[in-house]
Amino acid sequence: MAVVEVRDLVKRYGELAAVDGVSFEIHEGEVYGLLGHNGAGKSTTVEILEGHRERSAGAVTVLGVDPAAGGRELRDRIGIVLQTSGVETELTVVEAIGLYGSAYRRRRPTDELLDLVGLEDKAGARIGTLSGGQKRRLDLALGIVGYPELVFLDEPTTGFDPAARRKSWDMIQGLCSLGTTVLLTTHYLDEAERLADRVGVLTDGRLVAEGTPAELIGRIADTVVSFSAGDDLSGLRELLPPDAIVNGSAVEFATSTPTADVHAVTNWAIDRGVELHGLSVTRPSLEDVFLGLARDEVEPSTARDGAA
């Protein structure tokens, strides 16, 4: 079931197309990662889905409703975690949860929420005294206080230490296991690779790639094989790709068929009694894919920076 459907979405500011014919779907219970450099159109797209910005053209439905006309019924079913918080700093954590929770027909118990985001010992603390990471945990709490069916997460773990990030990842995955759907925007590509069931990559307002992280990595980026094989490489060069880098005894090459190529190289080594020192087979990451896709992106203009 599609929780979000976007068809040929366009958002123009005069002659500038901040979003230019974007189409995608987000299915129930999945994490969809929307990736792109600053100015690529992520924020504009998300704000249209949230009902905070009007589109110029195209069709959009969120939980079966046009977000431009969703009103209270839609807002009661979604949660939003913005990149920057606007919560009054003189409130305590518990007071903020009570205030934001009052906007929803159903709300999570405060103790459960504090436990989910790791703020049990900060319940009575004023928000102004919290660290950056603790404030971000509170943002997460406020975004899920109303049992949302769909959560928009914009850079949710900015300022977190590694342990807190992983705890937040577990929490997000736990929400999805209960049927919650998540639209994630993040600059941490390892976060998207860990959390997202599927990702869409925006470049200059257009969706240039979409699929699971594994699909994109397998389709676009090659595996890198490297090793050192001594001074006598006779017979080996014929087994290597033409663009392999050979520097003395050190060898490195990229391949889309690592199993076959490593098999050929190790057979060569076994036949000659050669030890392949430092043999490494490095799987590319989602970051490698993203950087490759965005390499030719046009430098965003000042107007685009403000729009997206």
Foldseek 3Di string as FASTA:
>chain_A
DFQKWWFQFWADDVPATLAGGETDTFDWLFEEEEEEDQLLNVVVVVCQQCLNDDTPDTDIDGNNHRSVPCPLVQVLQFFEQDPDDDDDQQQFLQRSLVVLLVSHPAFDDPCVLCVLLVNNVRRGPGNVPDDPQVVLSSSVSSRCGNVHQEYEAEQSRVPHDPVSLVSVLVSVNVSSVVGRYYYYYHPPQVSCLVGGQKYFYGFSNYGPDIDRQVVLLLPAFFKKKKFFWAQDCPPPVVLADPPWDDDRRITMDTDSCVVVSVVVVVVVCVVVVIDTHPIDTGRDGSVVSNCVVHVPGDDRDPVSSVSD
